[in-house]
PDB file of N, CA and C in Angstrom:
ATOM      1  N   MET A   1    -189.405 107.999 167.668  1.00  0.00           N
ATOM      2  CA  MET A   1    -190.236 109.134 167.352  1.00  0.00           C
ATOM      3  C   MET A   1    -191.630 108.863 167.926  1.00  0.00           C
ATOM      4  N   PRO A   2    -192.195 109.825 168.646  1.00  0.00           N
ATOM      5  CA  PRO A   2    -193.545 109.655 169.185  1.00  0.00           C
ATOM      6  C   PRO A   2    -194.560 109.458 168.061  1.00  0.00           C
ATOM      7  N   ALA A   3    -195.471 108.529 168.272  1.00  0.00           N
ATOM      8  CA  ALA A   3    -196.448 108.162 167.235  1.00  0.00           C
ATOM      9  C   ALA A   3    -197.308 109.332 166.793  1.00  0.00           C
ATOM     10  N   ASP A   4    -197.648 110.241 167.716  1.00  0.00           N
ATOM     11  CA  ASP A   4    -198.544 111.325 167.316  1.00  0.00           C
ATOM     12  C   ASP A   4    -197.885 112.332 166.384  1.00  0.00           C
ATOM     13  N   LEU A   5    -196.594 112.231 166.166  1.00  0.00           N
ATOM     14  CA  LEU A   5    -195.939 113.106 165.192  1.00  0.00           C
ATOM     15  C   LEU A   5    -196.068 112.588 163.768  1.00  0.00           C
ATOM     16  N   VAL A   6    -196.422 111.310 163.633  1.00  0.00           N
ATOM     17  CA  VAL A   6    -196.541 110.738 162.291  1.00  0.00           C
ATOM     18  C   VAL A   6    -197.963 110.298 161.967  1.00  0.00           C
ATOM     19  N   THR A   7    -198.888 110.543 162.901  1.00  0.00           N
ATOM     20  CA  THR A   7    -200.295 110.229 162.658  1.00  0.00           C
ATOM     21  C   THR A   7    -201.113 111.492 162.923  1.00  0.00           C
ATOM     22  N   ALA A   8    -202.328 111.503 162.444  1.00  0.00           N
ATOM     23  CA  ALA A   8    -203.208 112.658 162.641  1.00  0.00           C
ATOM     24  C   ALA A   8    -204.408 112.246 163.481  1.00  0.00           C
ATOM     25  N   SER A   9    -204.999 113.211 164.151  1.00  0.00           N
ATOM     26  CA  SER A   9    -206.235 112.935 164.874  1.00  0.00           C
ATOM     27  C   SER A   9    -207.346 112.679 163.857  1.00  0.00           C
ATOM     28  N   GLY A  10    -208.450 112.144 164.319  1.00  0.00           N
ATOM     29  CA  GLY A  10    -209.570 111.855 163.421  1.00  0.00           C
ATOM     30  C   GLY A  10    -210.037 113.087 162.678  1.00  0.00           C
ATOM     31  N   SER A  11    -210.078 114.221 163.363  1.00  0.00           N
ATOM     32  CA  SER A  11    -210.540 115.452 162.726  1.00  0.00           C
ATOM     33  C   SER A  11    -209.397 116.235 162.096  1.00  0.00           C
ATOM     34  N   GLY A  12    -208.177 115.928 162.512  1.00  0.00           N
ATOM     35  CA  GLY A  12    -207.036 116.699 162.041  1.00  0.00           C
ATOM     36  C   GLY A  12    -206.912 118.039 162.745  1.00  0.00           C
ATOM     37  N   LEU A  13    -207.741 118.265 163.763  1.00  0.00           N
ATOM     38  CA  LEU A  13    -207.769 119.555 164.441  1.00  0.00           C
ATOM     39  C   LEU A  13    -207.409 119.462 165.921  1.00  0.00           C
ATOM     40  N   ASP A  14    -206.887 118.341 166.360  1.00  0.00           N
ATOM     41  CA  ASP A  14    -206.571 118.161 167.771  1.00  0.00           C
ATOM     42  C   ASP A  14    -205.539 119.202 168.206  1.00  0.00           C
ATOM     43  N   PRO A  15    -205.844 120.018 169.220  1.00  0.00           N
ATOM     44  CA  PRO A  15    -204.915 121.070 169.642  1.00  0.00           C
ATOM     45  C   PRO A  15    -203.799 120.569 170.556  1.00  0.00           C
ATOM     46  N   ASP A  16    -203.797 119.274 170.856  1.00  0.00           N
ATOM     47  CA  ASP A  16    -202.839 118.733 171.814  1.00  0.00           C
ATOM     48  C   ASP A  16    -201.892 117.736 171.163  1.00  0.00           C
ATOM     49  N   ILE A  17    -200.684 117.667 171.713  1.00  0.00           N
ATOM     50  CA  ILE A  17    -199.730 116.629 171.348  1.00  0.00           C
ATOM     51  C   ILE A  17    -199.229 116.003 172.642  1.00  0.00           C
ATOM     52  N   SER A  18    -198.622 114.848 172.534  1.00  0.00           N
ATOM     53  CA  SER A  18    -198.091 114.195 173.723  1.00  0.00           C
ATOM     54  C   SER A  18    -196.904 114.990 174.255  1.00  0.00           C
ATOM     55  N   VAL A  19    -196.627 114.803 175.522  1.00  0.00           N
ATOM     56  CA  VAL A  19    -195.473 115.457 176.137  1.00  0.00           C
ATOM     57  C   VAL A  19    -194.197 114.975 175.435  1.00  0.00           C
ATOM     58  N   ALA A  20    -194.154 113.694 175.105  1.00  0.00           N
ATOM     59  CA  ALA A  20    -192.989 113.145 174.405  1.00  0.00           C
ATOM     60  C   ALA A  20    -192.782 113.834 173.053  1.00  0.00           C
ATOM     61  N   ALA A  21    -193.880 114.093 172.330  1.00  0.00           N
ATOM     62  CA  ALA A  21    -193.777 114.759 171.027  1.00  0.00           C
ATOM     63  C   ALA A  21    -193.257 116.188 171.180  1.00  0.00           C
ATOM     64  N   ALA A  22    -193.705 116.871 172.217  1.00  0.00           N
ATOM     65  CA  ALA A  22    -193.239 118.246 172.447  1.00  0.00           C
ATOM     66  C   ALA A  22    -191.745 118.256 172.759  1.00  0.00           C
ATOM     67  N   HIS A  23    -191.303 117.355 173.625  1.00  0.00           N
ATOM     68  CA  HIS A  23    -189.878 117.319 173.974  1.00  0.00           C
ATOM     69  C   HIS A  23    -189.017 116.852 172.794  1.00  0.00           C
ATOM     70  N   TYR A  24    -189.562 115.987 171.954  1.00  0.00           N
ATOM     71  CA  TYR A  24    -188.838 115.511 170.774  1.00  0.00           C
ATOM     72  C   TYR A  24    -188.480 116.685 169.855  1.00  0.00           C
ATOM     73  N   GLN A  25    -189.355 117.690 169.794  1.00  0.00           N
ATOM     74  CA  GLN A  25    -189.153 118.834 168.913  1.00  0.00           C
ATOM     75  C   GLN A  25    -188.510 120.038 169.596  1.00  0.00           C
ATOM     76  N   ALA A  26    -188.283 119.956 170.899  1.00  0.00           N
ATOM     77  CA  ALA A  26    -187.849 121.117 171.681  1.00  0.00           C
ATOM     78  C   ALA A  26    -186.545 121.735 171.179  1.00  0.00           C
ATOM     79  N   ASP A  27    -185.554 120.925 170.885  1.00  0.00           N
ATOM     80  CA  ASP A  27    -184.270 121.466 170.439  1.00  0.00           C
ATOM     81  C   ASP A  27    -184.410 122.216 169.119  1.00  0.00           C
ATOM     82  N   ARG A  28    -185.167 121.630 168.192  1.00  0.00           N
ATOM     83  CA  ARG A  28    -185.379 122.275 166.887  1.00  0.00           C
ATOM     84  C   ARG A  28    -186.143 123.586 167.048  1.00  0.00           C
ATOM     85  N   VAL A  29    -187.136 123.598 167.923  1.00  0.00           N
ATOM     86  CA  VAL A  29    -187.917 124.808 168.173  1.00  0.00           C
ATOM     87  C   VAL A  29    -187.036 125.886 168.793  1.00  0.00           C
ATOM     88  N   ALA A  30    -186.211 125.484 169.761  1.00  0.00           N
ATOM     89  CA  ALA A  30    -185.318 126.445 170.409  1.00  0.00           C
ATOM     90  C   ALA A  30    -184.385 127.084 169.391  1.00  0.00           C
ATOM     91  N   LYS A  31    -183.799 126.285 168.531  1.00  0.00           N
ATOM     92  CA  LYS A  31    -182.885 126.812 167.512  1.00  0.00           C
ATOM     93  C   LYS A  31    -183.613 127.714 166.515  1.00  0.00           C
ATOM     94  N   ALA A  32    -184.782 127.290 166.078  1.00  0.00           N
ATOM     95  CA  ALA A  32    -185.534 128.068 165.086  1.00  0.00           C
ATOM     96  C   ALA A  32    -185.990 129.416 165.640  1.00  0.00           C
ATOM     97  N   ARG A  33    -186.296 129.445 166.922  1.00  0.00           N
ATOM     98  CA  ARG A  33    -186.799 130.680 167.530  1.00  0.00           C
ATOM     99  C   ARG A  33    -185.712 131.482 168.230  1.00  0.00           C
ATOM    100  N   GLY A  34    -184.497 130.933 168.313  1.00  0.00           N
ATOM    101  CA  GLY A  34    -183.416 131.635 168.985  1.00  0.00           C
ATOM    102  C   GLY A  34    -183.631 131.740 170.484  1.00  0.00           C
ATOM    103  N   ILE A  35    -184.235 130.704 171.065  1.00  0.00           N
ATOM    104  CA  ILE A  35    -184.536 130.668 172.492  1.00  0.00           C
ATOM    105  C   ILE A  35    -183.711 129.554 173.127  1.00  0.00           C
ATOM    106  N   VAL A  36    -183.315 129.738 174.356  1.00  0.00           N
ATOM    107  CA  VAL A  36    -182.548 128.727 175.093  1.00  0.00           C
ATOM    108  C   VAL A  36    -183.423 127.487 175.286  1.00  0.00           C
ATOM    109  N   LEU A  37    -182.838 126.304 175.082  1.00  0.00           N
ATOM    110  CA  LEU A  37    -183.572 125.047 175.190  1.00  0.00           C
ATOM    111  C   LEU A  37    -184.269 124.904 176.540  1.00  0.00           C
ATOM    112  N   SER A  38    -183.611 125.275 177.613  1.00  0.00           N
ATOM    113  CA  SER A  38    -184.242 125.134 178.934  1.00  0.00           C
ATOM    114  C   SER A  38    -185.499 125.997 179.053  1.00  0.00           C
ATOM    115  N   ASP A  39    -185.526 127.131 178.364  1.00  0.00           N
ATOM    116  CA  ASP A  39    -186.727 127.975 178.359  1.00  0.00           C
ATOM    117  C   ASP A  39    -187.867 127.288 177.608  1.00  0.00           C
ATOM    118  N   VAL A  40    -187.542 126.656 176.494  1.00  0.00           N
ATOM    119  CA  VAL A  40    -188.559 125.925 175.730  1.00  0.00           C
ATOM    120  C   VAL A  40    -189.113 124.785 176.580  1.00  0.00           C
ATOM    121  N   GLU A  41    -188.240 124.056 177.257  1.00  0.00           N
ATOM    122  CA  GLU A  41    -188.693 122.948 178.090  1.00  0.00           C
ATOM    123  C   GLU A  41    -189.571 123.440 179.243  1.00  0.00           C
ATOM    124  N   ALA A  42    -189.248 124.597 179.813  1.00  0.00           N
ATOM    125  CA  ALA A  42    -190.081 125.163 180.882  1.00  0.00           C
ATOM    126  C   ALA A  42    -191.452 125.554 180.339  1.00  0.00           C
ATOM    127  N   LEU A  43    -191.481 126.095 179.132  1.00  0.00           N
ATOM    128  CA  LEU A  43    -192.765 126.470 178.519  1.00  0.00           C
ATOM    129  C   LEU A  43    -193.600 125.233 178.195  1.00  0.00           C
ATOM    130  N   ILE A  44    -192.934 124.160 177.793  1.00  0.00           N
ATOM    131  CA  ILE A  44    -193.650 122.898 177.562  1.00  0.00           C
ATOM    132  C   ILE A  44    -194.298 122.440 178.859  1.00  0.00           C
ATOM    133  N   ALA A  45    -193.560 122.515 179.951  1.00  0.00           N
ATOM    134  CA  ALA A  45    -194.105 122.101 181.248  1.00  0.00           C
ATOM    135  C   ALA A  45    -195.327 122.941 181.622  1.00  0.00           C
ATOM    136  N   ARG A  46    -195.269 124.237 181.346  1.00  0.00           N
ATOM    137  CA  ARG A  46    -196.397 125.124 181.673  1.00  0.00           C
ATOM    138  C   ARG A  46    -197.612 124.878 180.779  1.00  0.00           C
ATOM    139  N   ALA A  47    -197.388 124.410 179.555  1.00  0.00           N
ATOM    140  CA  ALA A  47    -198.492 124.151 178.629  1.00  0.00           C
ATOM    141  C   ALA A  47    -199.029 122.728 178.753  1.00  0.00           C
ATOM    142  N   THR A  48    -198.453 121.946 179.660  1.00  0.00           N
ATOM    143  CA  THR A  48    -198.875 120.559 179.859  1.00  0.00           C
ATOM    144  C   THR A  48    -200.054 120.517 180.816  1.00  0.00           C
ATOM    145  N   ARG A  49    -201.028 119.695 180.459  1.00  0.00           N
ATOM    146  CA  ARG A  49    -202.206 119.537 181.315  1.00  0.00           C
ATOM    147  C   ARG A  49    -202.703 118.101 181.221  1.00  0.00           C
ATOM    148  N   GLU A  50    -203.535 117.746 182.164  1.00  0.00           N
ATOM    149  CA  GLU A  50    -204.142 116.415 182.121  1.00  0.00           C
ATOM    150  C   GLU A  50    -205.162 116.373 180.995  1.00  0.00           C
ATOM    151  N   ARG A  51    -205.255 115.263 180.350  1.00  0.00           N
ATOM    152  CA  ARG A  51    -206.239 115.112 179.269  1.00  0.00           C
ATOM    153  C   ARG A  51    -207.601 114.852 179.912  1.00  0.00           C
ATOM    154  N   TRP A  52    -208.515 115.784 179.771  1.00  0.00           N
ATOM    155  CA  TRP A  52    -209.819 115.662 180.424  1.00  0.00           C
ATOM    156  C   TRP A  52    -210.845 114.940 179.569  1.00  0.00           C
ATOM    157  N   THR A  53    -210.553 114.730 178.308  1.00  0.00           N
ATOM    158  CA  THR A  53    -211.538 114.118 177.418  1.00  0.00           C
ATOM    159  C   THR A  53    -211.590 112.606 177.559  1.00  0.00           C
ATOM    160  N   VAL A  54    -210.581 112.015 178.193  1.00  0.00           N
ATOM    161  CA  VAL A  54    -210.541 110.567 178.357  1.00  0.00           C
ATOM    162  C   VAL A  54    -211.153 110.227 179.710  1.00  0.00           C
ATOM    163  N   PRO A  55    -212.147 109.351 179.750  1.00  0.00           N
ATOM    164  CA  PRO A  55    -212.728 108.982 181.049  1.00  0.00           C
ATOM    165  C   PRO A  55    -211.649 108.481 182.009  1.00  0.00           C
ATOM    166  N   LEU A  56    -211.742 108.887 183.238  1.00  0.00           N
ATOM    167  CA  LEU A  56    -210.785 108.506 184.277  1.00  0.00           C
ATOM    168  C   LEU A  56    -209.379 108.998 183.989  1.00  0.00           C
ATOM    169  N   GLY A  57    -209.287 110.111 183.305  1.00  0.00           N
ATOM    170  CA  GLY A  57    -207.983 110.711 183.047  1.00  0.00           C
ATOM    171  C   GLY A  57    -207.350 110.210 181.772  1.00  0.00           C
ATOM    172  N   GLY A  58    -206.074 110.262 181.718  1.00  0.00           N
ATOM    173  CA  GLY A  58    -205.327 109.853 180.538  1.00  0.00           C
ATOM    174  C   GLY A  58    -203.947 110.464 180.634  1.00  0.00           C
ATOM    175  N   ALA A  59    -203.135 110.214 179.663  1.00  0.00           N
ATOM    176  CA  ALA A  59    -201.773 110.753 179.674  1.00  0.00           C
ATOM    177  C   ALA A  59    -201.813 112.268 179.544  1.00  0.00           C
ATOM    178  N   PRO A  60    -200.921 112.958 180.230  1.00  0.00           N
ATOM    179  CA  PRO A  60    -200.848 114.421 180.073  1.00  0.00           C
ATOM    180  C   PRO A  60    -200.562 114.784 178.619  1.00  0.00           C
ATOM    181  N   VAL A  61    -201.035 115.950 178.209  1.00  0.00           N
ATOM    182  CA  VAL A  61    -200.828 116.444 176.847  1.00  0.00           C
ATOM    183  C   VAL A  61    -200.356 117.888 176.898  1.00  0.00           C
ATOM    184  N   VAL A  62    -199.797 118.348 175.781  1.00  0.00           N
ATOM    185  CA  VAL A  62    -199.347 119.726 175.651  1.00  0.00           C
ATOM    186  C   VAL A  62    -200.280 120.427 174.679  1.00  0.00           C
ATOM    187  N   ASN A  63    -200.843 121.546 175.112  1.00  0.00           N
ATOM    188  CA  ASN A  63    -201.705 122.335 174.249  1.00  0.00           C
ATOM    189  C   ASN A  63    -200.809 123.160 173.329  1.00  0.00           C
ATOM    190  N   VAL A  64    -200.836 122.848 172.050  1.00  0.00           N
ATOM    191  CA  VAL A  64    -199.929 123.463 171.087  1.00  0.00           C
ATOM    192  C   VAL A  64    -200.189 124.962 170.931  1.00  0.00           C
ATOM    193  N   LEU A  65    -201.445 125.362 170.936  1.00  0.00           N
ATOM    194  CA  LEU A  65    -201.755 126.787 170.810  1.00  0.00           C
ATOM    195  C   LEU A  65    -201.187 127.568 171.997  1.00  0.00           C
ATOM    196  N   ALA A  66    -201.420 127.069 173.207  1.00  0.00           N
ATOM    197  CA  ALA A  66    -200.894 127.737 174.405  1.00  0.00           C
ATOM    198  C   ALA A  66    -199.370 127.782 174.372  1.00  0.00           C
ATOM    199  N   LEU A  67    -198.749 126.697 173.943  1.00  0.00           N
ATOM    200  CA  LEU A  67    -197.287 126.655 173.868  1.00  0.00           C
ATOM    201  C   LEU A  67    -196.768 127.647 172.835  1.00  0.00           C
ATOM    202  N   ASN A  68    -197.381 127.696 171.655  1.00  0.00           N
ATOM    203  CA  ASN A  68    -196.929 128.637 170.622  1.00  0.00           C
ATOM    204  C   ASN A  68    -197.092 130.086 171.064  1.00  0.00           C
ATOM    205  N   MET A  69    -198.174 130.379 171.770  1.00  0.00           N
ATOM    206  CA  MET A  69    -198.363 131.745 172.271  1.00  0.00           C
ATOM    207  C   MET A  69    -197.288 132.093 173.304  1.00  0.00           C
ATOM    208  N   ALA A  70    -196.961 131.146 174.173  1.00  0.00           N
ATOM    209  CA  ALA A  70    -195.906 131.369 175.170  1.00  0.00           C
ATOM    210  C   ALA A  70    -194.546 131.519 174.493  1.00  0.00           C
ATOM    211  N   LEU A  71    -194.299 130.730 173.453  1.00  0.00           N
ATOM    212  CA  LEU A  71    -193.041 130.849 172.707  1.00  0.00           C
ATOM    213  C   LEU A  71    -192.947 132.209 172.020  1.00  0.00           C
ATOM    214  N   ASP A  72    -194.057 132.687 171.488  1.00  0.00           N
ATOM    215  CA  ASP A  72    -194.068 134.020 170.876  1.00  0.00           C
ATOM    216  C   ASP A  72    -193.695 135.084 171.908  1.00  0.00           C
ATOM    217  N   GLN A  73    -194.267 134.980 173.098  1.00  0.00           N
ATOM    218  CA  GLN A  73    -193.960 135.930 174.169  1.00  0.00           C
ATOM    219  C   GLN A  73    -192.492 135.828 174.571  1.00  0.00           C
ATOM    220  N   ALA A  74    -191.980 134.624 174.698  1.00  0.00           N
ATOM    221  CA  ALA A  74    -190.577 134.425 175.092  1.00  0.00           C
ATOM    222  C   ALA A  74    -189.631 135.005 174.058  1.00  0.00           C
ATOM    223  N   GLY A  75    -189.973 134.823 172.793  1.00  0.00           N
ATOM    224  CA  GLY A  75    -189.145 135.356 171.721  1.00  0.00           C
ATOM    225  C   GLY A  75    -189.131 136.865 171.687  1.00  0.00           C
ATOM    226  N   SER A  76    -190.246 137.469 172.046  1.00  0.00           N
ATOM    227  CA  SER A  76    -190.319 138.923 172.006  1.00  0.00           C
ATOM    228  C   SER A  76    -189.777 139.568 173.292  1.00  0.00           C
ATOM    229  N   SER A  77    -189.555 138.734 174.333  1.00  0.00           N
ATOM    230  CA  SER A  77    -189.048 139.285 175.583  1.00  0.00           C
ATOM    231  C   SER A  77    -187.529 139.343 175.621  1.00  0.00           C
ATOM    232  N   GLY A  78    -186.882 138.848 174.553  1.00  0.00           N
ATOM    233  CA  GLY A  78    -185.441 138.937 174.458  1.00  0.00           C
ATOM    234  C   GLY A  78    -184.679 137.746 174.987  1.00  0.00           C
ATOM    235  N   ALA A  79    -185.371 136.656 175.323  1.00  0.00           N
ATOM    236  CA  ALA A  79    -184.684 135.446 175.788  1.00  0.00           C
ATOM    237  C   ALA A  79    -184.004 134.786 174.591  1.00  0.00           C
ATOM    238  N   THR A  80    -182.699 134.786 174.594  1.00  0.00           N
ATOM    239  CA  THR A  80    -181.941 134.199 173.484  1.00  0.00           C
ATOM    240  C   THR A  80    -180.834 133.332 174.027  1.00  0.00           C
ATOM    241  N   ARG A  81    -180.128 132.701 173.096  1.00  0.00           N
ATOM    242  CA  ARG A  81    -179.019 131.822 173.493  1.00  0.00           C
ATOM    243  C   ARG A  81    -177.872 132.631 173.995  1.00  0.00           C
TER     244      ARG A  81
END
């Protein structure tokens, strides 16, 4: 299990999770939203960006707000299993 799923950021308001954490939850999210897993994984890829807050870069992260908004759009567009 990715560490960021069991720990919190200092403020508790970090909008990003690791790519590993997003993929760890992808199957459950797909089932809960009635969306095909490959669509969820594609949306994760689109919501992934380089972490700019770490000097000299850092591991890519997934913006959870952007991902949830994309998932909402996918769910309303009729993409289902």
